[in-house]
């Protein structure tokens, strides 16, 4: 089943089961809930019209109207993570279920962004929430494609004079760069003996190149490097010429880089870019290490992927 299937079914059910205002059920529920509103606060789903019976039609209507009952000016509501954050998670689950047309996703995002862009506190909370869920590689909802649509939407609704526009534009350019199917951005790096090389001219064995941007002083980089160094299947693949590995140091402490060189696995090409990638924002280095799988022509196959995913793709 689709990873979002059960969640989406529950969302549609919740949106269908809201009591209609003015009915005895609604009045009774209001009386009952009034004493426990803080403990049982729930996202104010709009009620899907009963005339819509097809699942896709119901989902489309819900997405377009999803935030209509949410009061972005209510700071108490916005600060209630059980309501706001869970509501956002459900929203992006609907958007990212693999069946939502891009046009519908854009319209839904526009309605959402237009709702909070003029409310200072809501804008601060919700833009941070979007960053945390969609742009953090450690998030289970990490989705650069959807995040890119969100950034485009924000640029469309923000006033031209808004100071944060440049930040959104910068992030959007990063998100659009080095995606699967794109030719990886070329850069210069230097081997330990000072030899100047470029990504474009780096030789690749068996049409597969594992490109890693790293920092030996980064704890997560150290953990991944230990994992890769201990991987006998990777070592054998490199030895047998089944793939090439290029590890590029992206920070400015050359002494620390050289000190860690003896720990790098045999058969890898190791270099330093002398901070060119970071300074030029050529690749998105928001989380380190950053791993890419390229083919021999330097076309991106996997972008910023977990090592486990790269192993699976290479069938190691």
C-alpha atoms as a PDB file:
ATOM      1  CA  UNK A   1       0.000   0.000   0.000  1.00  0.00           C
ATOM      2  CA  UNK A   2       1.127   3.586  -0.639  1.00  0.00           C
ATOM      3  CA  UNK A   3       2.974   4.891   2.442  1.00  0.00           C
ATOM      4  CA  UNK A   4       0.358   7.638   2.775  1.00  0.00           C
ATOM      5  CA  UNK A   5      -2.684   5.468   2.034  1.00  0.00           C
ATOM      6  CA  UNK A   6      -3.964   4.872   5.566  1.00  0.00           C
ATOM      7  CA  UNK A   7      -3.263   8.454   6.623  1.00  0.00           C
ATOM      8  CA  UNK A   8      -5.126   9.888   3.635  1.00  0.00           C
ATOM      9  CA  UNK A   9      -8.103   7.627   4.276  1.00  0.00           C
ATOM     10  CA  UNK A  10      -8.245   8.884   7.851  1.00  0.00           C
ATOM     11  CA  UNK A  11      -7.999  12.523   6.744  1.00  0.00           C
ATOM     12  CA  UNK A  12     -10.903  12.132   4.316  1.00  0.00           C
ATOM     13  CA  UNK A  13     -12.923  10.379   7.008  1.00  0.00           C
ATOM     14  CA  UNK A  14     -12.298  13.151   9.533  1.00  0.00           C
ATOM     15  CA  UNK A  15     -13.293  15.793   7.005  1.00  0.00           C
ATOM     16  CA  UNK A  16     -16.497  13.867   6.282  1.00  0.00           C
ATOM     17  CA  UNK A  17     -17.554  13.324   9.870  1.00  0.00           C
ATOM     18  CA  UNK A  18     -17.719  16.914  11.126  1.00  0.00           C
ATOM     19  CA  UNK A  19     -21.115  17.743  12.518  1.00  0.00           C
ATOM     20  CA  UNK A  20     -23.013  20.404  10.562  1.00  0.00           C
ATOM     21  CA  UNK A  21     -23.381  23.743  12.399  1.00  0.00           C
ATOM     22  CA  UNK A  22     -26.808  24.232  13.947  1.00  0.00           C
ATOM     23  CA  UNK A  23     -27.669  20.549  14.259  1.00  0.00           C
ATOM     24  CA  UNK A  24     -28.460  18.971  17.601  1.00  0.00           C
ATOM     25  CA  UNK A  25     -25.315  16.894  17.276  1.00  0.00           C
ATOM     26  CA  UNK A  26     -23.185  19.985  16.753  1.00  0.00           C
ATOM     27  CA  UNK A  27     -24.773  21.828  19.688  1.00  0.00           C
ATOM     28  CA  UNK A  28     -24.309  18.854  21.985  1.00  0.00           C
ATOM     29  CA  UNK A  29     -20.730  18.418  20.830  1.00  0.00           C
ATOM     30  CA  UNK A  30     -20.062  22.106  21.507  1.00  0.00           C
ATOM     31  CA  UNK A  31     -21.376  21.768  25.075  1.00  0.00           C
ATOM     32  CA  UNK A  32     -19.407  18.594  25.682  1.00  0.00           C
ATOM     33  CA  UNK A  33     -16.186  19.876  24.176  1.00  0.00           C
ATOM     34  CA  UNK A  34     -16.202  23.298  25.804  1.00  0.00           C
ATOM     35  CA  UNK A  35     -14.626  22.022  29.024  1.00  0.00           C
ATOM     36  CA  UNK A  36     -11.826  20.101  27.310  1.00  0.00           C
ATOM     37  CA  UNK A  37     -11.063  22.301  24.306  1.00  0.00           C
ATOM     38  CA  UNK A  38      -7.379  22.612  25.151  1.00  0.00           C
ATOM     39  CA  UNK A  39      -6.910  18.882  25.647  1.00  0.00           C
ATOM     40  CA  UNK A  40      -8.857  17.842  22.563  1.00  0.00           C
ATOM     41  CA  UNK A  41      -8.202  20.649  20.106  1.00  0.00           C
ATOM     42  CA  UNK A  42      -8.329  19.327  16.554  1.00  0.00           C
ATOM     43  CA  UNK A  43      -7.583  20.709  13.142  1.00  0.00           C
ATOM     44  CA  UNK A  44     -10.680  22.475  11.739  1.00  0.00           C
ATOM     45  CA  UNK A  45     -11.205  20.410   8.603  1.00  0.00           C
ATOM     46  CA  UNK A  46     -13.698  21.856   6.108  1.00  0.00           C
ATOM     47  CA  UNK A  47     -16.684  19.595   5.529  1.00  0.00           C
ATOM     48  CA  UNK A  48     -16.504  17.823   2.183  1.00  0.00           C
ATOM     49  CA  UNK A  49     -19.830  18.169   0.311  1.00  0.00           C
ATOM     50  CA  UNK A  50     -21.873  14.973   0.461  1.00  0.00           C
ATOM     51  CA  UNK A  51     -22.510  15.271  -3.274  1.00  0.00           C
ATOM     52  CA  UNK A  52     -18.862  14.412  -3.912  1.00  0.00           C
ATOM     53  CA  UNK A  53     -18.616  10.642  -3.757  1.00  0.00           C
ATOM     54  CA  UNK A  54     -15.533   9.775  -5.809  1.00  0.00           C
ATOM     55  CA  UNK A  55     -12.348   9.595  -3.684  1.00  0.00           C
ATOM     56  CA  UNK A  56     -10.267  11.725  -6.066  1.00  0.00           C
ATOM     57  CA  UNK A  57     -12.941  14.422  -6.274  1.00  0.00           C
ATOM     58  CA  UNK A  58     -13.242  14.472  -2.493  1.00  0.00           C
ATOM     59  CA  UNK A  59      -9.498  14.715  -2.080  1.00  0.00           C
ATOM     60  CA  UNK A  60      -9.227  17.522  -4.636  1.00  0.00           C
ATOM     61  CA  UNK A  61     -11.973  19.525  -2.924  1.00  0.00           C
ATOM     62  CA  UNK A  62     -10.388  18.992   0.490  1.00  0.00           C
ATOM     63  CA  UNK A  63      -6.965  20.121  -0.710  1.00  0.00           C
ATOM     64  CA  UNK A  64      -8.283  23.323  -2.251  1.00  0.00           C
ATOM     65  CA  UNK A  65     -10.350  24.218   0.823  1.00  0.00           C
ATOM     66  CA  UNK A  66      -8.086  22.602   3.431  1.00  0.00           C
ATOM     67  CA  UNK A  67      -7.105  25.767   5.336  1.00  0.00           C
ATOM     68  CA  UNK A  68     -10.332  27.766   4.982  1.00  0.00           C
ATOM     69  CA  UNK A  69     -11.501  27.122   8.562  1.00  0.00           C
ATOM     70  CA  UNK A  70      -8.071  27.742  10.079  1.00  0.00           C
ATOM     71  CA  UNK A  71      -7.681  31.176  11.703  1.00  0.00           C
ATOM     72  CA  UNK A  72      -4.141  32.255  10.869  1.00  0.00           C
ATOM     73  CA  UNK A  73      -4.573  35.371  13.038  1.00  0.00           C
ATOM     74  CA  UNK A  74      -5.155  33.266  16.177  1.00  0.00           C
ATOM     75  CA  UNK A  75      -1.686  32.981  17.718  1.00  0.00           C
ATOM     76  CA  UNK A  76      -2.886  30.491  20.335  1.00  0.00           C
ATOM     77  CA  UNK A  77      -4.162  28.210  17.595  1.00  0.00           C
ATOM     78  CA  UNK A  78      -1.040  28.655  15.493  1.00  0.00           C
ATOM     79  CA  UNK A  79       1.145  27.797  18.496  1.00  0.00           C
ATOM     80  CA  UNK A  80      -0.808  24.606  19.216  1.00  0.00           C
ATOM     81  CA  UNK A  81       1.456  22.051  17.557  1.00  0.00           C
ATOM     82  CA  UNK A  82      -1.124  19.287  17.942  1.00  0.00           C
ATOM     83  CA  UNK A  83      -3.367  21.280  15.628  1.00  0.00           C
ATOM     84  CA  UNK A  84      -1.095  23.288  13.345  1.00  0.00           C
ATOM     85  CA  UNK A  85       1.757  20.844  12.866  1.00  0.00           C
ATOM     86  CA  UNK A  86      -0.449  17.780  12.555  1.00  0.00           C
ATOM     87  CA  UNK A  87      -2.689  19.675  10.153  1.00  0.00           C
ATOM     88  CA  UNK A  88       0.336  20.508   8.025  1.00  0.00           C
ATOM     89  CA  UNK A  89       1.554  16.890   8.067  1.00  0.00           C
ATOM     90  CA  UNK A  90      -1.840  15.692   6.853  1.00  0.00           C
ATOM     91  CA  UNK A  91      -1.829  18.400   4.179  1.00  0.00           C
ATOM     92  CA  UNK A  92       1.548  17.439   2.730  1.00  0.00           C
ATOM     93  CA  UNK A  93       0.646  13.739   2.944  1.00  0.00           C
ATOM     94  CA  UNK A  94      -2.262  14.468   0.611  1.00  0.00           C
ATOM     95  CA  UNK A  95      -0.067  16.540  -1.684  1.00  0.00           C
ATOM     96  CA  UNK A  96       2.735  13.976  -1.841  1.00  0.00           C
ATOM     97  CA  UNK A  97       0.752  10.750  -2.199  1.00  0.00           C
ATOM     98  CA  UNK A  98       1.916  10.297  -5.786  1.00  0.00           C
ATOM     99  CA  UNK A  99      -1.504  10.858  -7.373  1.00  0.00           C
ATOM    100  CA  UNK A 100      -1.995  14.614  -6.885  1.00  0.00           C
ATOM    101  CA  UNK A 101      -1.697  16.546 -10.186  1.00  0.00           C
ATOM    102  CA  UNK A 102       0.832  19.378 -10.100  1.00  0.00           C
ATOM    103  CA  UNK A 103      -1.840  21.942 -10.982  1.00  0.00           C
ATOM    104  CA  UNK A 104      -3.909  20.882  -7.955  1.00  0.00           C
ATOM    105  CA  UNK A 105      -0.837  20.942  -5.711  1.00  0.00           C
ATOM    106  CA  UNK A 106       0.009  24.466  -6.864  1.00  0.00           C
ATOM    107  CA  UNK A 107      -3.530  25.750  -6.269  1.00  0.00           C
ATOM    108  CA  UNK A 108      -3.652  24.151  -2.821  1.00  0.00           C
ATOM    109  CA  UNK A 109      -0.280  25.589  -1.834  1.00  0.00           C
ATOM    110  CA  UNK A 110      -1.291  29.017  -3.109  1.00  0.00           C
ATOM    111  CA  UNK A 111      -4.434  29.020  -0.972  1.00  0.00           C
ATOM    112  CA  UNK A 112      -2.390  28.000   2.066  1.00  0.00           C
ATOM    113  CA  UNK A 113       0.416  30.537   1.559  1.00  0.00           C
ATOM    114  CA  UNK A 114      -2.014  33.359   0.788  1.00  0.00           C
ATOM    115  CA  UNK A 115      -3.736  32.626   4.099  1.00  0.00           C
ATOM    116  CA  UNK A 116      -0.701  33.194   6.303  1.00  0.00           C
ATOM    117  CA  UNK A 117       1.614  35.465   4.313  1.00  0.00           C
ATOM    118  CA  UNK A 118       0.037  38.604   5.775  1.00  0.00           C
ATOM    119  CA  UNK A 119      -0.006  37.274   9.357  1.00  0.00           C
ATOM    120  CA  UNK A 120       3.452  37.809  10.820  1.00  0.00           C
ATOM    121  CA  UNK A 121       3.372  35.150  13.539  1.00  0.00           C
ATOM    122  CA  UNK A 122       1.638  32.498  11.444  1.00  0.00           C
ATOM    123  CA  UNK A 123       4.073  33.137   8.625  1.00  0.00           C
ATOM    124  CA  UNK A 124       7.047  32.662  10.938  1.00  0.00           C
ATOM    125  CA  UNK A 125       5.700  29.405  12.372  1.00  0.00           C
ATOM    126  CA  UNK A 126       4.444  27.861   9.142  1.00  0.00           C
ATOM    127  CA  UNK A 127       7.440  28.699   6.968  1.00  0.00           C
ATOM    128  CA  UNK A 128       9.670  27.122   9.613  1.00  0.00           C
ATOM    129  CA  UNK A 129       7.377  24.094   9.681  1.00  0.00           C
ATOM    130  CA  UNK A 130       7.672  23.755   5.905  1.00  0.00           C
ATOM    131  CA  UNK A 131      11.465  23.951   6.146  1.00  0.00           C
ATOM    132  CA  UNK A 132      11.581  21.352   8.934  1.00  0.00           C
ATOM    133  CA  UNK A 133       9.350  18.816   7.208  1.00  0.00           C
ATOM    134  CA  UNK A 134      10.076  19.255   3.506  1.00  0.00           C
ATOM    135  CA  UNK A 135      13.683  20.490   3.369  1.00  0.00           C
ATOM    136  CA  UNK A 136      15.330  18.553   6.207  1.00  0.00           C
ATOM    137  CA  UNK A 137      16.900  15.328   4.876  1.00  0.00           C
ATOM    138  CA  UNK A 138      16.254  13.664   8.240  1.00  0.00           C
ATOM    139  CA  UNK A 139      12.503  14.277   8.008  1.00  0.00           C
ATOM    140  CA  UNK A 140      10.335  11.324   6.911  1.00  0.00           C
ATOM    141  CA  UNK A 141       8.460  13.841   4.742  1.00  0.00           C
ATOM    142  CA  UNK A 142      11.601  15.238   3.068  1.00  0.00           C
ATOM    143  CA  UNK A 143      10.498  16.157  -0.446  1.00  0.00           C
ATOM    144  CA  UNK A 144      12.518  18.621  -2.517  1.00  0.00           C
ATOM    145  CA  UNK A 145      10.020  18.517  -5.371  1.00  0.00           C
ATOM    146  CA  UNK A 146       7.157  19.637  -3.154  1.00  0.00           C
ATOM    147  CA  UNK A 147       9.425  22.091  -1.361  1.00  0.00           C
ATOM    148  CA  UNK A 148      10.314  23.637  -4.703  1.00  0.00           C
ATOM    149  CA  UNK A 149       6.614  24.113  -5.518  1.00  0.00           C
ATOM    150  CA  UNK A 150       6.162  25.735  -2.106  1.00  0.00           C
ATOM    151  CA  UNK A 151       9.064  28.136  -2.737  1.00  0.00           C
ATOM    152  CA  UNK A 152       7.653  29.072  -6.143  1.00  0.00           C
ATOM    153  CA  UNK A 153       4.288  29.689  -4.500  1.00  0.00           C
ATOM    154  CA  UNK A 154       5.790  31.903  -1.807  1.00  0.00           C
ATOM    155  CA  UNK A 155       7.593  33.968  -4.431  1.00  0.00           C
ATOM    156  CA  UNK A 156       4.250  34.363  -6.171  1.00  0.00           C
ATOM    157  CA  UNK A 157       2.365  35.639  -3.115  1.00  0.00           C
ATOM    158  CA  UNK A 158       5.066  37.700  -1.393  1.00  0.00           C
ATOM    159  CA  UNK A 159       5.146  41.439  -2.151  1.00  0.00           C
ATOM    160  CA  UNK A 160       7.970  42.396  -4.500  1.00  0.00           C
ATOM    161  CA  UNK A 161       9.447  44.568  -1.749  1.00  0.00           C
ATOM    162  CA  UNK A 162       9.539  41.789   0.862  1.00  0.00           C
ATOM    163  CA  UNK A 163      13.080  41.373   2.198  1.00  0.00           C
ATOM    164  CA  UNK A 164      12.934  37.565   2.334  1.00  0.00           C
ATOM    165  CA  UNK A 165      12.305  37.117  -1.390  1.00  0.00           C
ATOM    166  CA  UNK A 166      16.029  36.803  -2.083  1.00  0.00           C
ATOM    167  CA  UNK A 167      16.298  33.989   0.470  1.00  0.00           C
ATOM    168  CA  UNK A 168      13.468  32.051  -1.180  1.00  0.00           C
ATOM    169  CA  UNK A 169      14.964  32.614  -4.622  1.00  0.00           C
ATOM    170  CA  UNK A 170      18.342  31.351  -3.428  1.00  0.00           C
ATOM    171  CA  UNK A 171      16.794  28.191  -1.953  1.00  0.00           C
ATOM    172  CA  UNK A 172      14.765  27.609  -5.100  1.00  0.00           C
ATOM    173  CA  UNK A 173      17.876  27.757  -7.267  1.00  0.00           C
ATOM    174  CA  UNK A 174      19.540  25.179  -4.997  1.00  0.00           C
ATOM    175  CA  UNK A 175      16.522  22.879  -5.107  1.00  0.00           C
ATOM    176  CA  UNK A 176      16.404  23.061  -8.907  1.00  0.00           C
ATOM    177  CA  UNK A 177      20.092  22.208  -9.259  1.00  0.00           C
ATOM    178  CA  UNK A 178      21.647  18.734  -9.660  1.00  0.00           C
ATOM    179  CA  UNK A 179      18.399  16.802  -9.731  1.00  0.00           C
ATOM    180  CA  UNK A 180      18.145  13.242 -11.115  1.00  0.00           C
ATOM    181  CA  UNK A 181      18.451  13.424 -14.883  1.00  0.00           C
ATOM    182  CA  UNK A 182      20.491  16.656 -14.771  1.00  0.00           C
ATOM    183  CA  UNK A 183      24.158  16.892 -15.626  1.00  0.00           C
ATOM    184  CA  UNK A 184      25.946  17.409 -12.298  1.00  0.00           C
ATOM    185  CA  UNK A 185      27.417  20.875 -11.866  1.00  0.00           C
ATOM    186  CA  UNK A 186      31.124  20.837 -12.629  1.00  0.00           C
ATOM    187  CA  UNK A 187      33.653  22.032 -10.064  1.00  0.00           C
ATOM    188  CA  UNK A 188      37.390  22.018  -9.481  1.00  0.00           C
ATOM    189  CA  UNK A 189      39.081  19.989  -6.779  1.00  0.00           C
ATOM    190  CA  UNK A 190      42.677  19.290  -5.805  1.00  0.00           C
ATOM    191  CA  UNK A 191      44.325  15.996  -4.922  1.00  0.00           C
ATOM    192  CA  UNK A 192      46.595  15.769  -1.853  1.00  0.00           C
ATOM    193  CA  UNK A 193      49.659  16.332  -4.077  1.00  0.00           C
ATOM    194  CA  UNK A 194      48.113  19.538  -5.453  1.00  0.00           C
ATOM    195  CA  UNK A 195      47.028  18.147  -8.822  1.00  0.00           C
ATOM    196  CA  UNK A 196      44.097  20.154 -10.198  1.00  0.00           C
ATOM    197  CA  UNK A 197      41.086  18.102 -11.338  1.00  0.00           C
ATOM    198  CA  UNK A 198      37.483  18.704 -12.333  1.00  0.00           C
ATOM    199  CA  UNK A 199      34.393  16.602 -11.844  1.00  0.00           C
ATOM    200  CA  UNK A 200      33.753  16.613 -15.592  1.00  0.00           C
ATOM    201  CA  UNK A 201      37.134  15.034 -16.355  1.00  0.00           C
ATOM    202  CA  UNK A 202      37.165  12.566 -13.449  1.00  0.00           C
ATOM    203  CA  UNK A 203      37.447   9.020 -14.832  1.00  0.00           C
ATOM    204  CA  UNK A 204      34.583   6.686 -13.941  1.00  0.00           C
ATOM    205  CA  UNK A 205      34.669   2.896 -13.873  1.00  0.00           C
ATOM    206  CA  UNK A 206      31.660   0.838 -14.956  1.00  0.00           C
ATOM    207  CA  UNK A 207      29.559   3.967 -15.574  1.00  0.00           C
ATOM    208  CA  UNK A 208      29.004   4.593 -11.841  1.00  0.00           C
ATOM    209  CA  UNK A 209      30.494   7.304  -9.621  1.00  0.00           C
ATOM    210  CA  UNK A 210      29.688   7.723  -5.942  1.00  0.00           C
ATOM    211  CA  UNK A 211      30.322  11.400  -5.198  1.00  0.00           C
ATOM    212  CA  UNK A 212      30.567  12.388  -1.557  1.00  0.00           C
ATOM    213  CA  UNK A 213      30.967  15.870  -0.095  1.00  0.00           C
ATOM    214  CA  UNK A 214      32.299  15.538   3.434  1.00  0.00           C
ATOM    215  CA  UNK A 215      34.042  17.090   6.422  1.00  0.00           C
ATOM    216  CA  UNK A 216      36.080  14.759   8.694  1.00  0.00           C
ATOM    217  CA  UNK A 217      35.329  17.057  11.646  1.00  0.00           C
ATOM    218  CA  UNK A 218      31.559  16.567  11.144  1.00  0.00           C
ATOM    219  CA  UNK A 219      30.168  13.884  13.490  1.00  0.00           C
ATOM    220  CA  UNK A 220      27.604  12.536  11.028  1.00  0.00           C
ATOM    221  CA  UNK A 221      30.259  12.492   8.285  1.00  0.00           C
ATOM    222  CA  UNK A 222      32.530  10.495  10.565  1.00  0.00           C
ATOM    223  CA  UNK A 223      29.770   7.961  11.227  1.00  0.00           C
ATOM    224  CA  UNK A 224      28.974   7.501   7.529  1.00  0.00           C
ATOM    225  CA  UNK A 225      32.658   7.277   6.625  1.00  0.00           C
ATOM    226  CA  UNK A 226      33.141   4.542   9.237  1.00  0.00           C
ATOM    227  CA  UNK A 227      30.133   2.700   7.817  1.00  0.00           C
ATOM    228  CA  UNK A 228      31.476   2.951   4.275  1.00  0.00           C
ATOM    229  CA  UNK A 229      35.019   2.010   5.295  1.00  0.00           C
ATOM    230  CA  UNK A 230      33.686  -1.115   7.018  1.00  0.00           C
ATOM    231  CA  UNK A 231      31.546  -2.107   4.021  1.00  0.00           C
ATOM    232  CA  UNK A 232      33.400  -5.025   2.443  1.00  0.00           C
ATOM    233  CA  UNK A 233      30.961  -5.117  -0.481  1.00  0.00           C
ATOM    234  CA  UNK A 234      31.788  -1.499  -1.340  1.00  0.00           C
ATOM    235  CA  UNK A 235      35.510  -2.159  -0.997  1.00  0.00           C
ATOM    236  CA  UNK A 236      35.273  -5.177  -3.297  1.00  0.00           C
ATOM    237  CA  UNK A 237      33.218  -3.225  -5.863  1.00  0.00           C
ATOM    238  CA  UNK A 238      35.859  -0.481  -5.946  1.00  0.00           C
ATOM    239  CA  UNK A 239      38.693  -3.022  -6.158  1.00  0.00           C
ATOM    240  CA  UNK A 240      36.954  -4.889  -8.996  1.00  0.00           C
ATOM    241  CA  UNK A 241      36.326  -1.706 -10.967  1.00  0.00           C
ATOM    242  CA  UNK A 242      32.540  -1.856 -10.617  1.00  0.00           C
ATOM    243  CA  UNK A 243      32.344   1.786  -9.538  1.00  0.00           C
ATOM    244  CA  UNK A 244      34.466   4.793  -8.638  1.00  0.00           C
ATOM    245  CA  UNK A 245      34.292   6.850  -5.447  1.00  0.00           C
ATOM    246  CA  UNK A 246      35.172  10.545  -5.265  1.00  0.00           C
ATOM    247  CA  UNK A 247      35.258  12.134  -1.795  1.00  0.00           C
ATOM    248  CA  UNK A 248      35.539  15.931  -1.763  1.00  0.00           C
ATOM    249  CA  UNK A 249      36.346  17.966   1.347  1.00  0.00           C
ATOM    250  CA  UNK A 250      34.326  21.187   1.250  1.00  0.00           C
ATOM    251  CA  UNK A 251      35.550  23.147   4.280  1.00  0.00           C
ATOM    252  CA  UNK A 252      38.571  25.394   4.836  1.00  0.00           C
ATOM    253  CA  UNK A 253      40.711  23.579   7.406  1.00  0.00           C
ATOM    254  CA  UNK A 254      43.294  21.906   5.180  1.00  0.00           C
ATOM    255  CA  UNK A 255      45.285  20.710   8.185  1.00  0.00           C
ATOM    256  CA  UNK A 256      42.283  18.749   9.505  1.00  0.00           C
ATOM    257  CA  UNK A 257      41.642  17.331   6.028  1.00  0.00           C
ATOM    258  CA  UNK A 258      45.226  16.135   5.601  1.00  0.00           C
ATOM    259  CA  UNK A 259      45.309  14.679   9.109  1.00  0.00           C
ATOM    260  CA  UNK A 260      42.305  12.469   8.249  1.00  0.00           C
ATOM    261  CA  UNK A 261      43.587  11.329   4.834  1.00  0.00           C
ATOM    262  CA  UNK A 262      45.140   8.079   6.160  1.00  0.00           C
ATOM    263  CA  UNK A 263      41.674   7.004   7.330  1.00  0.00           C
ATOM    264  CA  UNK A 264      40.141   7.199   3.855  1.00  0.00           C
ATOM    265  CA  UNK A 265      39.459   3.820   2.192  1.00  0.00           C
ATOM    266  CA  UNK A 266      41.854   2.445  -0.381  1.00  0.00           C
ATOM    267  CA  UNK A 267      40.916   2.997  -4.000  1.00  0.00           C
ATOM    268  CA  UNK A 268      38.957   6.201  -3.446  1.00  0.00           C
ATOM    269  CA  UNK A 269      39.848   9.488  -5.107  1.00  0.00           C
ATOM    270  CA  UNK A 270      40.068  12.087  -2.343  1.00  0.00           C
ATOM    271  CA  UNK A 271      40.362  15.821  -2.869  1.00  0.00           C
ATOM    272  CA  UNK A 272      39.538  19.253  -1.533  1.00  0.00           C
ATOM    273  CA  UNK A 273      37.577  21.875  -3.436  1.00  0.00           C
ATOM    274  CA  UNK A 274      39.104  24.689  -1.346  1.00  0.00           C
ATOM    275  CA  UNK A 275      35.561  25.754  -0.446  1.00  0.00           C
ATOM    276  CA  UNK A 276      34.521  26.388  -4.062  1.00  0.00           C
ATOM    277  CA  UNK A 277      31.320  24.316  -3.861  1.00  0.00           C
ATOM    278  CA  UNK A 278      30.128  25.982  -0.670  1.00  0.00           C
ATOM    279  CA  UNK A 279      31.148  29.501  -1.672  1.00  0.00           C
ATOM    280  CA  UNK A 280      29.524  29.218  -5.084  1.00  0.00           C
ATOM    281  CA  UNK A 281      26.472  27.339  -3.768  1.00  0.00           C
ATOM    282  CA  UNK A 282      27.088  24.801  -6.533  1.00  0.00           C
ATOM    283  CA  UNK A 283      25.533  21.984  -4.505  1.00  0.00           C
ATOM    284  CA  UNK A 284      23.153  22.018  -1.567  1.00  0.00           C
ATOM    285  CA  UNK A 285      25.267  21.151   1.477  1.00  0.00           C
ATOM    286  CA  UNK A 286      22.608  21.714   4.134  1.00  0.00           C
ATOM    287  CA  UNK A 287      23.347  18.287   5.614  1.00  0.00           C
ATOM    288  CA  UNK A 288      26.690  16.526   5.611  1.00  0.00           C
ATOM    289  CA  UNK A 289      27.829  14.208   4.258  1.00  0.00           C
ATOM    290  CA  UNK A 290      26.027  14.741   0.974  1.00  0.00           C
ATOM    291  CA  UNK A 291      26.067  11.728  -1.345  1.00  0.00           C
ATOM    292  CA  UNK A 292      25.270  11.614  -5.056  1.00  0.00           C
ATOM    293  CA  UNK A 293      25.275   8.719  -7.483  1.00  0.00           C
ATOM    294  CA  UNK A 294      26.316   9.710 -11.010  1.00  0.00           C
ATOM    295  CA  UNK A 295      26.844   7.833 -14.243  1.00  0.00           C
ATOM    296  CA  UNK A 296      29.931   8.061 -16.416  1.00  0.00           C
ATOM    297  CA  UNK A 297      28.734  11.217 -18.169  1.00  0.00           C
ATOM    298  CA  UNK A 298      28.138  12.809 -14.732  1.00  0.00           C
ATOM    299  CA  UNK A 299      24.366  12.668 -15.021  1.00  0.00           C
ATOM    300  CA  UNK A 300      22.720  12.571 -11.587  1.00  0.00           C
ATOM    301  CA  UNK A 301      21.057   9.256 -10.747  1.00  0.00           C
ATOM    302  CA  UNK A 302      20.502   9.875  -7.022  1.00  0.00           C
ATOM    303  CA  UNK A 303      20.644  13.255  -5.295  1.00  0.00           C
ATOM    304  CA  UNK A 304      21.652  13.772  -1.669  1.00  0.00           C
ATOM    305  CA  UNK A 305      20.732  10.168  -0.920  1.00  0.00           C
ATOM    306  CA  UNK A 306      21.274   8.052   2.176  1.00  0.00           C
ATOM    307  CA  UNK A 307      24.137   5.593   1.861  1.00  0.00           C
ATOM    308  CA  UNK A 308      21.699   2.698   2.336  1.00  0.00           C
ATOM    309  CA  UNK A 309      19.747   3.840  -0.718  1.00  0.00           C
ATOM    310  CA  UNK A 310      22.908   4.088  -2.795  1.00  0.00           C
ATOM    311  CA  UNK A 311      23.953   0.592  -1.697  1.00  0.00           C
ATOM    312  CA  UNK A 312      20.557  -0.772  -2.706  1.00  0.00           C
ATOM    313  CA  UNK A 313      20.712   0.954  -6.093  1.00  0.00           C
ATOM    314  CA  UNK A 314      24.172  -0.461  -6.718  1.00  0.00           C
ATOM    315  CA  UNK A 315      23.031  -3.877  -5.437  1.00  0.00           C
ATOM    316  CA  UNK A 316      26.010  -4.097  -3.090  1.00  0.00           C
END
